[in-house]
C-alpha atoms as a PDB file:
ATOM      1  CA  GLY A   1      24.327  -1.293   5.360  1.00  0.00           C
ATOM      2  CA  ARG A   2      20.649  -1.102   5.293  1.00  0.00           C
ATOM      3  CA  CYS A   3      18.628  -3.732   4.022  1.00  0.00           C
ATOM      4  CA  VAL A   4      17.728  -3.306   0.100  1.00  0.00           C
ATOM      5  CA  MET A   5      13.874  -4.093   0.720  1.00  0.00           C
ATOM      6  CA  SER A   6      13.617  -0.881   3.220  1.00  0.00           C
ATOM      7  CA  ALA A   7      14.255   1.479   0.245  1.00  0.00           C
ATOM      8  CA  MET A   8      10.794   0.357  -1.013  1.00  0.00           C
ATOM      9  CA  TYR A   9       7.821   2.097  -0.911  1.00  0.00           C
ATOM     10  CA  VAL A  10       3.707   2.194  -1.690  1.00  0.00           C
ATOM     11  CA  ASP A  11       3.699   4.522  -4.694  1.00  0.00           C
ATOM     12  CA  GLU A  12       0.850   6.300  -4.225  1.00  0.00           C
ATOM     13  CA  LYS A  13      -0.417   7.519  -8.005  1.00  0.00           C
ATOM     14  CA  GLN A  14      -0.119   3.859  -8.682  1.00  0.00           C
ATOM     15  CA  LEU A  15      -1.967   2.904  -5.345  1.00  0.00           C
ATOM     16  CA  ARG A  16      -4.934   5.267  -6.357  1.00  0.00           C
ATOM     17  CA  ARG A  17      -4.832   3.784  -9.967  1.00  0.00           C
ATOM     18  CA  ILE A  18      -5.998   0.737  -8.590  1.00  0.00           C
ATOM     19  CA  MET A  19      -8.250   2.192  -5.753  1.00  0.00           C
ATOM     20  CA  ILE A  20     -10.052   4.357  -8.954  1.00  0.00           C
ATOM     21  CA  ASP A  21     -10.207   0.635 -10.777  1.00  0.00           C
ATOM     22  CA  LYS A  22     -12.171  -0.826  -7.382  1.00  0.00           C
ATOM     23  CA  GLY A  23     -14.444   2.189  -7.339  1.00  0.00           C
ATOM     24  CA  ILE A  24     -12.475   3.051  -3.742  1.00  0.00           C
ATOM     25  CA  LYS A  25     -12.550   6.991  -3.341  1.00  0.00           C
ATOM     26  CA  THR A  26     -10.602   7.729  -0.528  1.00  0.00           C
ATOM     27  CA  ILE A  27      -7.617   6.098   1.708  1.00  0.00           C
ATOM     28  CA  ASN A  28     -10.325   6.199   4.693  1.00  0.00           C
ATOM     29  CA  GLU A  29     -12.627   3.592   2.665  1.00  0.00           C
ATOM     30  CA  LEU A  30      -9.687   1.817   1.566  1.00  0.00           C
ATOM     31  CA  ALA A  31      -8.870   1.377   5.150  1.00  0.00           C
ATOM     32  CA  GLN A  32     -12.014   0.245   6.177  1.00  0.00           C
ATOM     33  CA  LYS A  33     -12.554  -2.178   3.387  1.00  0.00           C
ATOM     34  CA  SER A  34      -9.044  -3.642   3.612  1.00  0.00           C
ATOM     35  CA  GLY A  35      -9.005  -3.668   7.448  1.00  0.00           C
ATOM     36  CA  VAL A  36      -5.540  -2.206   7.082  1.00  0.00           C
ATOM     37  CA  SER A  37      -5.377   0.955   9.417  1.00  0.00           C
ATOM     38  CA  LYS A  38      -5.356   4.787   7.853  1.00  0.00           C
ATOM     39  CA  PRO A  39      -2.200   5.370   9.617  1.00  0.00           C
ATOM     40  CA  THR A  40      -0.695   2.078   8.444  1.00  0.00           C
ATOM     41  CA  ILE A  41      -1.625   2.852   4.190  1.00  0.00           C
ATOM     42  CA  TYR A  42      -0.417   6.569   5.277  1.00  0.00           C
ATOM     43  CA  ASP A  43       3.298   5.057   6.450  1.00  0.00           C
ATOM     44  CA  TYR A  44       3.558   3.191   3.364  1.00  0.00           C
ATOM     45  CA  ILE A  45       2.986   6.178   1.376  1.00  0.00           C
ATOM     46  CA  ASN A  46       5.201   7.917   3.033  1.00  0.00           C
ATOM     47  CA  GLY A  47       7.948   5.609   2.803  1.00  0.00           C
ATOM     48  CA  LYS A  48       8.099   3.300   5.619  1.00  0.00           C
ATOM     49  CA  SER A  49       8.776  -0.072   4.906  1.00  0.00           C
ATOM     50  CA  PRO A  50       5.419  -2.174   3.588  1.00  0.00           C
ATOM     51  CA  MET A  51       6.951  -5.670   4.520  1.00  0.00           C
ATOM     52  CA  SER A  52       4.372  -6.907   7.185  1.00  0.00           C
ATOM     53  CA  GLU A  53       1.190  -8.907   7.473  1.00  0.00           C
ATOM     54  CA  ALA A  54      -1.311  -5.605   7.074  1.00  0.00           C
ATOM     55  CA  PHE A  55       0.580  -4.998   3.970  1.00  0.00           C
ATOM     56  CA  ILE A  56      -0.136  -8.177   2.379  1.00  0.00           C
ATOM     57  CA  ARG A  57      -3.675  -8.181   3.473  1.00  0.00           C
ATOM     58  CA  LEU A  58      -4.162  -4.883   1.756  1.00  0.00           C
ATOM     59  CA  CYS A  59      -2.387  -6.383  -1.799  1.00  0.00           C
ATOM     60  CA  GLN A  60      -5.058  -9.296  -1.083  1.00  0.00           C
ATOM     61  CA  TYR A  61      -8.068  -6.946  -0.893  1.00  0.00           C
ATOM     62  CA  LEU A  62      -6.929  -4.669  -3.597  1.00  0.00           C
ATOM     63  CA  GLU A  63      -5.974  -8.247  -5.655  1.00  0.00           C
ATOM     64  CA  VAL A  64      -2.343  -6.810  -6.386  1.00  0.00           C
ATOM     65  CA  LYS A  65       1.055  -8.361  -6.508  1.00  0.00           C
ATOM     66  CA  PRO A  66       3.410  -6.333  -3.805  1.00  0.00           C
ATOM     67  CA  SER A  67       5.299  -5.571  -6.363  1.00  0.00           C
ATOM     68  CA  ASP A  68       2.559  -3.875  -8.428  1.00  0.00           C
ATOM     69  CA  ILE A  69       2.157  -1.242  -5.843  1.00  0.00           C
ATOM     70  CA  LEU A  70       5.876  -0.927  -4.762  1.00  0.00           C
ATOM     71  CA  THR A  71       8.276   1.622  -5.796  1.00  0.00           C
ATOM     72  CA  GLU A  72      11.969   2.393  -4.766  1.00  0.00           C
ATOM     73  CA  LYS A  73      13.086   5.796  -3.236  1.00  0.00           C
END
């Protein structure tokens, strides 16, 4: 069976809510400011499991816990 963690992905609505709170308008801007590439962020939103250094960096930049922006498929 597949690992349970692989069923997690970034909840785009929640991510965008946090971005708005921080005054970040686009994924492009988020990528530039957080140092996490745009394709990587889109991968997370599109269901690629976000367990990586880049994801941790993104959460640290947004000042959220990973669980705050993850949702289950």
